[in-house]
Amino acid sequence: MLINRTISFYGKLDILVNNAGVLGNQSKKKSIIDFDAGEFDRVMQVNVRGVALGMKHAAKVMMPRRSGCIISMASVAGCMGGLTKNTACELGQYGIRVNCISPFGVATSMLINAWRSSDEVDHEECTDLEAEEMEEFVRGLANLKGVTLKTKDVAEAALYMASEESRYISGHNLVVDGGFTSFKNCVAL
């Protein structure tokens, strides 16, 4: 609405500043034990969804002019921690390890459905041919050649993270990507 009013009044949009933001209650020490889903949803609605929608609508009117500037106010909190690291920091004193696993593309029904056009009906299961085509697509993007990432590889990573072999690892993101993130600065799929 604001962008439409700006276009009506000025005939163009040169700059969008996403400056709306909210904080959750900062008066008490945060703990994963006291996680407030409603407060989290409110913060995400404004700080993430609102920013994404601002970018979307600004881009629609800037792209035809091939000009514009989008600026989003963020926070140093976005440069630090994250849910896994913060929870690992909080729970380490209790001997609890907290880690995450970030796999690259695995040819699952979820990934295949995400790449289907919106007018196609999502299926519970994908066909063997669809899985093979997705694996070939992902292999073409991957840095590590001669290997195809399978669900078993991700399961093995989870087993490692749950095992005594990783007993001193906490707050870590185990990236299972065959080196993809080490040579790609931007995923331009």
N, C-alpha and C. Protein backbone atom coordinates (compact mmCIF):
# COMPACT_ATOMS: atom_id res chain seq x y z
N MET A 1 0.82 -1.19 0.00
CA MET A 1 0.00 0.00 0.00
C MET A 1 0.87 1.26 0.00
N LEU A 2 1.87 1.30 0.87
CA LEU A 2 2.74 2.46 0.94
C LEU A 2 3.51 2.65 -0.38
N ILE A 3 3.96 1.54 -0.94
CA ILE A 3 4.71 1.62 -2.20
C ILE A 3 3.78 2.12 -3.31
N ASN A 4 2.54 1.63 -3.35
CA ASN A 4 1.59 2.11 -4.36
C ASN A 4 1.32 3.60 -4.20
N ARG A 5 1.19 4.07 -2.96
CA ARG A 5 0.98 5.50 -2.72
C ARG A 5 2.20 6.30 -3.14
N THR A 6 3.38 5.78 -2.89
CA THR A 6 4.61 6.47 -3.29
C THR A 6 4.68 6.58 -4.81
N ILE A 7 4.38 5.51 -5.50
CA ILE A 7 4.38 5.51 -6.97
C ILE A 7 3.34 6.50 -7.49
N SER A 8 2.16 6.51 -6.91
CA SER A 8 1.10 7.44 -7.33
C SER A 8 1.53 8.89 -7.16
N PHE A 9 2.19 9.17 -6.06
CA PHE A 9 2.57 10.55 -5.75
C PHE A 9 3.83 11.00 -6.50
N TYR A 10 4.88 10.14 -6.51
CA TYR A 10 6.17 10.53 -7.09
C TYR A 10 6.43 9.93 -8.47
N GLY A 11 5.67 8.92 -8.83
CA GLY A 11 5.86 8.28 -10.13
C GLY A 11 6.96 7.23 -10.17
N LYS A 12 7.65 7.05 -9.06
CA LYS A 12 8.73 6.06 -9.01
C LYS A 12 9.10 5.80 -7.55
N LEU A 13 9.88 4.75 -7.35
CA LEU A 13 10.41 4.42 -6.03
C LEU A 13 11.91 4.25 -6.19
N ASP A 14 12.67 5.13 -5.56
CA ASP A 14 14.13 5.06 -5.64
C ASP A 14 14.73 4.25 -4.50
N ILE A 15 14.17 4.42 -3.31
CA ILE A 15 14.78 3.83 -2.11
C ILE A 15 13.68 3.24 -1.23
N LEU A 16 13.95 2.06 -0.71
CA LEU A 16 13.10 1.48 0.33
C LEU A 16 13.99 1.21 1.53
N VAL A 17 13.59 1.71 2.67
CA VAL A 17 14.28 1.40 3.92
C VAL A 17 13.32 0.58 4.78
N ASN A 18 13.66 -0.68 4.99
CA ASN A 18 12.91 -1.54 5.90
C ASN A 18 13.39 -1.21 7.30
N ASN A 19 12.64 -0.39 8.02
CA ASN A 19 13.08 0.06 9.32
C ASN A 19 12.13 -0.35 10.43
N ALA A 20 11.11 -1.12 10.10
CA ALA A 20 10.20 -1.60 11.15
C ALA A 20 10.85 -2.80 11.83
N GLY A 21 10.73 -2.84 13.11
CA GLY A 21 11.29 -3.97 13.84
C GLY A 21 10.73 -3.99 15.25
N VAL A 22 10.66 -5.15 15.82
CA VAL A 22 10.19 -5.29 17.20
C VAL A 22 11.17 -6.18 17.95
N LEU A 23 11.20 -6.01 19.23
CA LEU A 23 11.99 -6.87 20.12
C LEU A 23 11.02 -7.68 20.96
N GLY A 24 11.45 -8.85 21.32
CA GLY A 24 10.70 -9.58 22.32
C GLY A 24 10.98 -8.93 23.67
N ASN A 25 10.36 -9.45 24.71
CA ASN A 25 10.56 -8.92 26.05
C ASN A 25 12.03 -9.07 26.44
N GLN A 26 12.69 -7.96 26.68
CA GLN A 26 14.11 -7.96 27.02
C GLN A 26 14.36 -7.80 28.52
N SER A 27 13.28 -7.75 29.31
CA SER A 27 13.43 -7.47 30.74
C SER A 27 13.88 -8.67 31.56
N LYS A 28 13.86 -9.84 30.95
CA LYS A 28 14.28 -11.03 31.69
C LYS A 28 15.29 -11.80 30.86
N LYS A 29 16.10 -12.58 31.55
CA LYS A 29 17.08 -13.41 30.87
C LYS A 29 16.35 -14.45 30.04
N LYS A 30 16.76 -14.59 28.80
CA LYS A 30 16.12 -15.55 27.89
C LYS A 30 16.66 -16.95 28.14
N SER A 31 15.78 -17.92 28.02
CA SER A 31 16.17 -19.31 28.17
C SER A 31 15.32 -20.14 27.22
N ILE A 32 15.90 -21.17 26.64
CA ILE A 32 15.14 -22.05 25.76
C ILE A 32 14.01 -22.72 26.55
N ILE A 33 14.18 -22.88 27.84
CA ILE A 33 13.16 -23.49 28.70
C ILE A 33 11.91 -22.61 28.77
N ASP A 34 12.11 -21.29 28.71
CA ASP A 34 11.00 -20.35 28.80
C ASP A 34 10.58 -19.81 27.43
N PHE A 35 10.94 -20.51 26.36
CA PHE A 35 10.63 -20.07 25.00
C PHE A 35 9.14 -19.74 24.86
N ASP A 36 8.86 -18.54 24.38
CA ASP A 36 7.48 -18.07 24.19
C ASP A 36 7.19 -18.06 22.69
N ALA A 37 6.44 -19.05 22.21
CA ALA A 37 6.17 -19.20 20.78
C ALA A 37 5.40 -18.00 20.22
N GLY A 38 4.47 -17.46 20.98
CA GLY A 38 3.71 -16.30 20.53
C GLY A 38 4.59 -15.08 20.32
N GLU A 39 5.48 -14.84 21.28
CA GLU A 39 6.41 -13.72 21.17
C GLU A 39 7.34 -13.94 19.97
N PHE A 40 7.82 -15.14 19.80
CA PHE A 40 8.69 -15.48 18.67
C PHE A 40 7.97 -15.23 17.34
N ASP A 41 6.72 -15.71 17.24
CA ASP A 41 5.95 -15.51 16.01
C ASP A 41 5.77 -14.03 15.70
N ARG A 42 5.49 -13.22 16.71
CA ARG A 42 5.31 -11.78 16.52
C ARG A 42 6.59 -11.14 15.99
N VAL A 43 7.72 -11.49 16.58
CA VAL A 43 9.00 -10.93 16.14
C VAL A 43 9.31 -11.37 14.70
N MET A 44 9.08 -12.64 14.40
CA MET A 44 9.34 -13.14 13.04
C MET A 44 8.42 -12.50 12.01
N GLN A 45 7.15 -12.29 12.38
CA GLN A 45 6.20 -11.66 11.45
C GLN A 45 6.68 -10.28 11.04
N VAL A 46 7.11 -9.50 11.98
CA VAL A 46 7.55 -8.13 11.67
C VAL A 46 8.96 -8.12 11.11
N ASN A 47 9.90 -8.74 11.81
CA ASN A 47 11.31 -8.60 11.47
C ASN A 47 11.76 -9.41 10.26
N VAL A 48 11.08 -10.50 9.95
CA VAL A 48 11.48 -11.32 8.80
C VAL A 48 10.44 -11.23 7.69
N ARG A 49 9.21 -11.60 8.01
CA ARG A 49 8.16 -11.58 6.98
C ARG A 49 7.94 -10.17 6.45
N GLY A 50 7.87 -9.20 7.34
CA GLY A 50 7.66 -7.81 6.93
C GLY A 50 8.77 -7.30 6.02
N VAL A 51 10.00 -7.62 6.37
CA VAL A 51 11.15 -7.19 5.56
C VAL A 51 11.11 -7.86 4.18
N ALA A 52 10.83 -9.16 4.16
CA ALA A 52 10.76 -9.87 2.88
C ALA A 52 9.67 -9.30 1.98
N LEU A 53 8.52 -8.99 2.56
CA LEU A 53 7.43 -8.41 1.76
C LEU A 53 7.79 -7.01 1.26
N GLY A 54 8.46 -6.23 2.10
CA GLY A 54 8.92 -4.91 1.65
C GLY A 54 9.85 -5.03 0.47
N MET A 55 10.80 -5.96 0.56
CA MET A 55 11.74 -6.20 -0.55
C MET A 55 11.00 -6.64 -1.81
N LYS A 56 10.06 -7.54 -1.65
CA LYS A 56 9.30 -8.07 -2.79
C LYS A 56 8.59 -6.94 -3.53
N HIS A 57 7.85 -6.13 -2.81
CA HIS A 57 7.05 -5.10 -3.46
C HIS A 57 7.90 -3.96 -4.00
N ALA A 58 8.98 -3.64 -3.33
CA ALA A 58 9.89 -2.63 -3.86
C ALA A 58 10.56 -3.13 -5.13
N ALA A 59 10.99 -4.38 -5.12
CA ALA A 59 11.66 -4.95 -6.29
C ALA A 59 10.75 -4.93 -7.51
N LYS A 60 9.47 -5.19 -7.31
CA LYS A 60 8.53 -5.22 -8.44
C LYS A 60 8.48 -3.88 -9.17
N VAL A 61 8.61 -2.79 -8.45
CA VAL A 61 8.55 -1.48 -9.12
C VAL A 61 9.93 -0.96 -9.49
N MET A 62 10.98 -1.47 -8.89
CA MET A 62 12.34 -1.04 -9.21
C MET A 62 12.91 -1.78 -10.42
N MET A 63 12.56 -3.03 -10.57
CA MET A 63 13.13 -3.85 -11.64
C MET A 63 12.89 -3.28 -13.04
N PRO A 64 11.69 -2.85 -13.36
CA PRO A 64 11.49 -2.29 -14.71
C PRO A 64 12.36 -1.07 -14.99
N ARG A 65 12.66 -0.29 -13.96
CA ARG A 65 13.53 0.89 -14.12
C ARG A 65 15.01 0.51 -14.07
N ARG A 66 15.29 -0.73 -13.63
CA ARG A 66 16.66 -1.21 -13.49
C ARG A 66 17.47 -0.29 -12.58
N SER A 67 16.80 0.14 -11.53
CA SER A 67 17.44 1.09 -10.62
C SER A 67 16.70 1.04 -9.28
N GLY A 68 17.43 1.29 -8.22
CA GLY A 68 16.82 1.37 -6.91
C GLY A 68 17.79 0.95 -5.82
N CYS A 69 17.36 1.15 -4.59
CA CYS A 69 18.20 0.80 -3.44
C CYS A 69 17.28 0.32 -2.33
N ILE A 70 17.56 -0.88 -1.83
CA ILE A 70 16.79 -1.44 -0.72
C ILE A 70 17.75 -1.59 0.46
N ILE A 71 17.37 -1.00 1.57
CA ILE A 71 18.18 -1.05 2.79
C ILE A 71 17.31 -1.62 3.90
N SER A 72 17.83 -2.59 4.62
CA SER A 72 17.10 -3.17 5.74
C SER A 72 17.89 -2.97 7.01
N MET A 73 17.23 -2.45 8.02
CA MET A 73 17.85 -2.34 9.34
C MET A 73 17.83 -3.73 9.96
N ALA A 74 18.94 -4.14 10.50
CA ALA A 74 19.05 -5.46 11.12
C ALA A 74 19.58 -5.26 12.54
N SER A 75 20.43 -6.13 12.98
CA SER A 75 20.98 -6.06 14.32
C SER A 75 22.26 -6.86 14.38
N VAL A 76 23.13 -6.47 15.29
CA VAL A 76 24.33 -7.28 15.50
C VAL A 76 23.96 -8.67 15.98
N ALA A 77 22.76 -8.83 16.52
CA ALA A 77 22.31 -10.16 16.95
C ALA A 77 22.30 -11.13 15.78
N GLY A 78 22.10 -10.63 14.56
CA GLY A 78 22.11 -11.47 13.39
C GLY A 78 23.50 -11.96 13.01
N CYS A 79 24.53 -11.32 13.55
CA CYS A 79 25.91 -11.71 13.28
C CYS A 79 26.44 -12.66 14.34
N MET A 80 25.69 -12.82 15.38
CA MET A 80 26.15 -13.62 16.50
C MET A 80 25.23 -14.82 16.70
N GLY A 81 25.75 -15.81 17.28
CA GLY A 81 24.97 -16.92 17.78
C GLY A 81 24.04 -17.60 16.81
N GLY A 82 22.81 -17.42 17.01
CA GLY A 82 21.79 -18.20 16.34
C GLY A 82 21.24 -19.19 17.34
N LEU A 83 20.13 -19.82 17.02
CA LEU A 83 19.43 -20.69 17.97
C LEU A 83 20.33 -21.82 18.46
N THR A 84 21.03 -22.50 17.55
CA THR A 84 21.88 -23.62 17.96
C THR A 84 23.01 -23.16 18.86
N LYS A 85 23.71 -22.11 18.46
CA LYS A 85 24.84 -21.63 19.26
C LYS A 85 24.38 -21.10 20.62
N ASN A 86 23.30 -20.33 20.62
CA ASN A 86 22.82 -19.78 21.89
C ASN A 86 22.35 -20.88 22.84
N THR A 87 21.65 -21.87 22.29
CA THR A 87 21.19 -22.96 23.15
C THR A 87 22.37 -23.79 23.64
N ALA A 88 23.37 -23.99 22.79
CA ALA A 88 24.58 -24.71 23.21
C ALA A 88 25.27 -23.95 24.35
N CYS A 89 25.31 -22.65 24.23
CA CYS A 89 25.93 -21.81 25.27
C CYS A 89 25.17 -21.94 26.58
N GLU A 90 23.86 -21.91 26.50
CA GLU A 90 23.03 -21.99 27.69
C GLU A 90 23.08 -23.36 28.36
N LEU A 91 23.04 -24.42 27.54
CA LEU A 91 22.89 -25.76 28.11
C LEU A 91 24.21 -26.49 28.36
N GLY A 92 25.32 -25.92 27.90
CA GLY A 92 26.62 -26.55 28.12
C GLY A 92 26.92 -26.79 29.58
N GLN A 93 26.49 -25.88 30.43
CA GLN A 93 26.75 -26.02 31.87
C GLN A 93 26.05 -27.25 32.46
N TYR A 94 25.08 -27.80 31.73
CA TYR A 94 24.38 -29.01 32.17
C TYR A 94 24.89 -30.25 31.45
N GLY A 95 25.96 -30.10 30.69
CA GLY A 95 26.53 -31.23 29.97
C GLY A 95 25.74 -31.60 28.72
N ILE A 96 24.90 -30.69 28.27
CA ILE A 96 24.08 -30.96 27.08
C ILE A 96 24.74 -30.33 25.86
N ARG A 97 24.96 -31.16 24.84
CA ARG A 97 25.53 -30.66 23.58
C ARG A 97 24.40 -30.31 22.63
N VAL A 98 24.56 -29.20 21.91
CA VAL A 98 23.55 -28.76 20.94
C VAL A 98 24.28 -28.45 19.64
N ASN A 99 23.89 -29.12 18.57
CA ASN A 99 24.51 -28.94 17.26
C ASN A 99 23.43 -28.95 16.20
N CYS A 100 23.81 -28.63 14.98
CA CYS A 100 22.88 -28.76 13.86
C CYS A 100 23.63 -29.32 12.66
N ILE A 101 22.87 -29.83 11.71
CA ILE A 101 23.42 -30.39 10.48
C ILE A 101 22.79 -29.65 9.31
N SER A 102 23.60 -29.17 8.39
CA SER A 102 23.11 -28.45 7.21
C SER A 102 23.52 -29.20 5.96
N PRO A 103 22.62 -30.05 5.46
CA PRO A 103 22.95 -30.79 4.23
C PRO A 103 22.68 -29.96 2.98
N PHE A 104 23.36 -30.32 1.91
CA PHE A 104 23.10 -29.76 0.59
C PHE A 104 21.87 -30.49 0.05
N GLY A 105 21.60 -30.42 -1.22
CA GLY A 105 20.39 -30.99 -1.80
C GLY A 105 20.37 -32.50 -1.82
N VAL A 106 19.41 -33.08 -1.12
CA VAL A 106 19.18 -34.52 -1.15
C VAL A 106 17.88 -34.73 -1.92
N ALA A 107 17.87 -35.64 -2.86
CA ALA A 107 16.72 -35.85 -3.74
C ALA A 107 15.58 -36.53 -3.00
N THR A 108 14.96 -35.79 -2.10
CA THR A 108 13.80 -36.28 -1.36
C THR A 108 12.53 -35.72 -2.00
N SER A 109 11.40 -36.24 -1.60
CA SER A 109 10.12 -35.72 -2.10
C SER A 109 9.99 -34.23 -1.77
N MET A 110 10.45 -33.81 -0.60
CA MET A 110 10.34 -32.41 -0.21
C MET A 110 11.09 -31.51 -1.19
N LEU A 111 12.32 -31.88 -1.54
CA LEU A 111 13.10 -31.06 -2.46
C LEU A 111 12.49 -31.09 -3.86
N ILE A 112 12.09 -32.24 -4.31
CA ILE A 112 11.49 -32.37 -5.65
C ILE A 112 10.20 -31.57 -5.72
N ASN A 113 9.36 -31.66 -4.70
CA ASN A 113 8.12 -30.88 -4.69
C ASN A 113 8.39 -29.38 -4.69
N ALA A 114 9.45 -28.96 -4.02
CA ALA A 114 9.79 -27.54 -3.99
C ALA A 114 10.18 -27.01 -5.36
N TRP A 115 10.68 -27.88 -6.23
CA TRP A 115 11.10 -27.47 -7.57
C TRP A 115 10.01 -27.65 -8.61
N ARG A 116 8.90 -28.25 -8.23
CA ARG A 116 7.79 -28.39 -9.18
C ARG A 116 7.15 -27.02 -9.37
N SER A 117 6.60 -26.79 -10.55
CA SER A 117 5.91 -25.52 -10.78
C SER A 117 4.68 -25.47 -9.89
N SER A 118 4.26 -24.26 -9.55
CA SER A 118 3.17 -24.09 -8.59
C SER A 118 1.85 -24.66 -9.08
N ASP A 119 1.69 -24.83 -10.40
CA ASP A 119 0.44 -25.38 -10.90
C ASP A 119 0.41 -26.91 -10.88
N GLU A 120 1.55 -27.51 -10.56
CA GLU A 120 1.58 -28.97 -10.44
C GLU A 120 1.12 -29.36 -9.04
N VAL A 121 0.53 -30.51 -8.96
CA VAL A 121 0.07 -31.02 -7.67
C VAL A 121 1.26 -31.67 -6.96
N ASP A 122 1.42 -31.30 -5.69
CA ASP A 122 2.47 -31.94 -4.90
C ASP A 122 2.07 -33.38 -4.60
N HIS A 123 3.03 -34.25 -4.69
CA HIS A 123 2.80 -35.66 -4.41
C HIS A 123 3.52 -36.02 -3.12
N GLU A 124 3.00 -37.00 -2.44
CA GLU A 124 3.67 -37.49 -1.24
C GLU A 124 5.03 -38.09 -1.57
N GLU A 125 5.06 -38.88 -2.61
CA GLU A 125 6.29 -39.55 -3.01
C GLU A 125 6.69 -39.11 -4.41
N CYS A 126 7.96 -39.12 -4.69
CA CYS A 126 8.43 -38.78 -6.02
C CYS A 126 8.77 -40.09 -6.76
N THR A 127 8.81 -39.99 -8.06
CA THR A 127 9.14 -41.18 -8.85
C THR A 127 10.65 -41.38 -8.85
N ASP A 128 11.08 -42.57 -9.20
CA ASP A 128 12.51 -42.85 -9.30
C ASP A 128 13.16 -41.95 -10.34
N LEU A 129 12.45 -41.69 -11.44
CA LEU A 129 12.99 -40.81 -12.49
C LEU A 129 13.17 -39.40 -11.97
N GLU A 130 12.19 -38.89 -11.21
CA GLU A 130 12.31 -37.54 -10.64
C GLU A 130 13.50 -37.48 -9.67
N ALA A 131 13.68 -38.52 -8.88
CA ALA A 131 14.80 -38.55 -7.93
C ALA A 131 16.13 -38.56 -8.69
N GLU A 132 16.22 -39.35 -9.74
CA GLU A 132 17.45 -39.41 -10.54
C GLU A 132 17.75 -38.06 -11.19
N GLU A 133 16.71 -37.41 -11.72
CA GLU A 133 16.89 -36.09 -12.34
C GLU A 133 17.35 -35.06 -11.32
N MET A 134 16.78 -35.10 -10.12
CA MET A 134 17.18 -34.16 -9.06
C MET A 134 18.62 -34.44 -8.63
N GLU A 135 18.98 -35.71 -8.48
CA GLU A 135 20.36 -36.05 -8.12
C GLU A 135 21.33 -35.54 -9.18
N GLU A 136 20.98 -35.68 -10.44
CA GLU A 136 21.85 -35.19 -11.52
C GLU A 136 21.98 -33.67 -11.45
N PHE A 137 20.87 -32.99 -11.20
CA PHE A 137 20.89 -31.53 -11.07
C PHE A 137 21.81 -31.10 -9.93
N VAL A 138 21.65 -31.74 -8.77
CA VAL A 138 22.46 -31.38 -7.60
C VAL A 138 23.93 -31.71 -7.85
N ARG A 139 24.20 -32.87 -8.47
CA ARG A 139 25.60 -33.24 -8.78
C ARG A 139 26.25 -32.17 -9.67
N GLY A 140 25.47 -31.60 -10.58
CA GLY A 140 26.00 -30.56 -11.46
C GLY A 140 26.38 -29.30 -10.71
N LEU A 141 25.75 -29.05 -9.58
CA LEU A 141 26.06 -27.87 -8.77
C LEU A 141 27.17 -28.13 -7.76
N ALA A 142 27.38 -29.39 -7.45
CA ALA A 142 28.30 -29.75 -6.37
C ALA A 142 29.76 -29.58 -6.76
N ASN A 143 30.58 -29.35 -5.77
CA ASN A 143 32.02 -29.22 -5.93
C ASN A 143 32.70 -30.59 -5.90
N LEU A 144 32.27 -31.46 -5.02
CA LEU A 144 32.85 -32.79 -4.85
C LEU A 144 32.27 -33.71 -5.92
N LYS A 145 33.09 -34.14 -6.84
CA LYS A 145 32.62 -34.96 -7.95
C LYS A 145 32.73 -36.44 -7.62
N GLY A 146 31.89 -37.24 -8.26
CA GLY A 146 31.95 -38.69 -8.10
C GLY A 146 31.15 -39.23 -6.93
N VAL A 147 30.45 -38.34 -6.21
CA VAL A 147 29.67 -38.75 -5.05
C VAL A 147 28.30 -38.09 -5.15
N THR A 148 27.27 -38.81 -4.78
CA THR A 148 25.92 -38.26 -4.74
C THR A 148 25.44 -38.27 -3.29
N LEU A 149 25.01 -37.12 -2.80
CA LEU A 149 24.51 -37.03 -1.44
C LEU A 149 23.20 -37.79 -1.31
N LYS A 150 23.16 -38.69 -0.34
CA LYS A 150 21.98 -39.51 -0.09
C LYS A 150 21.50 -39.25 1.35
N THR A 151 20.26 -39.63 1.62
CA THR A 151 19.74 -39.46 2.97
C THR A 151 20.59 -40.22 3.98
N LYS A 152 21.18 -41.33 3.57
CA LYS A 152 22.04 -42.11 4.46
C LYS A 152 23.24 -41.28 4.94
N ASP A 153 23.77 -40.43 4.07
CA ASP A 153 24.90 -39.59 4.44
C ASP A 153 24.52 -38.61 5.55
N VAL A 154 23.32 -38.05 5.45
CA VAL A 154 22.85 -37.13 6.48
C VAL A 154 22.59 -37.89 7.77
N ALA A 155 22.03 -39.09 7.66
CA ALA A 155 21.79 -39.92 8.84
C ALA A 155 23.12 -40.28 9.52
N GLU A 156 24.14 -40.58 8.73
CA GLU A 156 25.46 -40.90 9.30
C GLU A 156 26.03 -39.68 10.03
N ALA A 157 25.82 -38.50 9.50
CA ALA A 157 26.29 -37.28 10.17
C ALA A 157 25.57 -37.12 11.51
N ALA A 158 24.25 -37.39 11.52
CA ALA A 158 23.49 -37.30 12.77
C ALA A 158 23.97 -38.34 13.78
N LEU A 159 24.26 -39.54 13.30
CA LEU A 159 24.78 -40.57 14.20
C LEU A 159 26.11 -40.15 14.81
N TYR A 160 26.96 -39.56 13.99
CA TYR A 160 28.24 -39.06 14.50
C TYR A 160 28.01 -38.00 15.58
N MET A 161 27.12 -37.04 15.28
CA MET A 161 26.89 -35.96 16.24
C MET A 161 26.28 -36.48 17.54
N ALA A 162 25.55 -37.59 17.47
CA ALA A 162 24.95 -38.17 18.67
C ALA A 162 25.89 -39.10 19.41
N SER A 163 26.99 -39.46 18.78
CA SER A 163 27.89 -40.46 19.35
C SER A 163 28.89 -39.86 20.33
N GLU A 164 29.55 -40.74 21.05
CA GLU A 164 30.63 -40.34 21.97
C GLU A 164 31.84 -39.80 21.20
N GLU A 165 31.94 -40.15 19.92
CA GLU A 165 33.06 -39.64 19.11
C GLU A 165 33.02 -38.13 18.96
N SER A 166 31.84 -37.54 19.15
CA SER A 166 31.72 -36.08 19.05
C SER A 166 31.42 -35.46 20.42
N ARG A 167 31.87 -36.12 21.46
CA ARG A 167 31.50 -35.73 22.82
C ARG A 167 31.93 -34.32 23.22
N TYR A 168 32.87 -33.73 22.50
CA TYR A 168 33.34 -32.39 22.84
C TYR A 168 32.93 -31.37 21.77
N ILE A 169 31.97 -31.71 20.97
CA ILE A 169 31.48 -30.80 19.93
C ILE A 169 30.13 -30.27 20.35
N SER A 170 30.02 -28.96 20.45
CA SER A 170 28.77 -28.31 20.79
C SER A 170 28.74 -26.92 20.18
N GLY A 171 27.57 -26.51 19.74
CA GLY A 171 27.42 -25.20 19.10
C GLY A 171 27.92 -25.22 17.68
N HIS A 172 27.97 -26.39 17.08
CA HIS A 172 28.56 -26.55 15.75
C HIS A 172 27.50 -26.81 14.68
N ASN A 173 27.75 -26.29 13.51
CA ASN A 173 26.92 -26.57 12.34
C ASN A 173 27.74 -27.49 11.45
N LEU A 174 27.37 -28.75 11.40
CA LEU A 174 28.06 -29.72 10.56
C LEU A 174 27.48 -29.61 9.15
N VAL A 175 28.23 -29.01 8.26
CA VAL A 175 27.78 -28.78 6.89
C VAL A 175 28.14 -30.02 6.07
N VAL A 176 27.12 -30.69 5.55
CA VAL A 176 27.29 -31.90 4.76
C VAL A 176 26.95 -31.52 3.32
N ASP A 177 27.94 -30.93 2.65
CA ASP A 177 27.65 -30.35 1.34
C ASP A 177 28.70 -30.67 0.28
N GLY A 178 29.62 -31.57 0.57
CA GLY A 178 30.63 -31.92 -0.43
C GLY A 178 31.46 -30.72 -0.88
N GLY A 179 31.59 -29.72 -0.03
CA GLY A 179 32.38 -28.54 -0.35
C GLY A 179 31.62 -27.45 -1.09
N PHE A 180 30.31 -27.61 -1.26
CA PHE A 180 29.52 -26.63 -2.01
C PHE A 180 29.68 -25.22 -1.47
N THR A 181 29.53 -25.05 -0.15
CA THR A 181 29.61 -23.70 0.42
C THR A 181 31.03 -23.15 0.42
N SER A 182 32.01 -24.00 0.21
CA SER A 182 33.38 -23.51 0.19
C SER A 182 33.76 -22.89 -1.16
N PHE A 183 32.96 -23.16 -2.19
CA PHE A 183 33.33 -22.59 -3.49
C PHE A 183 32.20 -21.77 -4.11
N LYS A 184 31.06 -21.73 -3.50
CA LYS A 184 29.96 -20.92 -4.00
C LYS A 184 29.73 -19.75 -3.04
N ASN A 185 29.84 -18.55 -3.54
CA ASN A 185 29.53 -17.38 -2.71
C ASN A 185 28.03 -17.12 -2.69
N CYS A 186 27.36 -17.49 -3.75
CA CYS A 186 25.94 -17.22 -3.86
C CYS A 186 25.30 -18.39 -4.60
N VAL A 187 24.21 -18.91 -4.06
CA VAL A 187 23.50 -19.98 -4.73
C VAL A 187 22.61 -19.35 -5.79
N ALA A 188 23.00 -19.52 -7.02
CA ALA A 188 22.23 -18.96 -8.14
C ALA A 188 21.57 -20.10 -8.88
N LEU A 189 20.57 -20.69 -8.25
CA LEU A 189 19.89 -21.82 -8.85
C LEU A 189 18.95 -21.29 -9.86
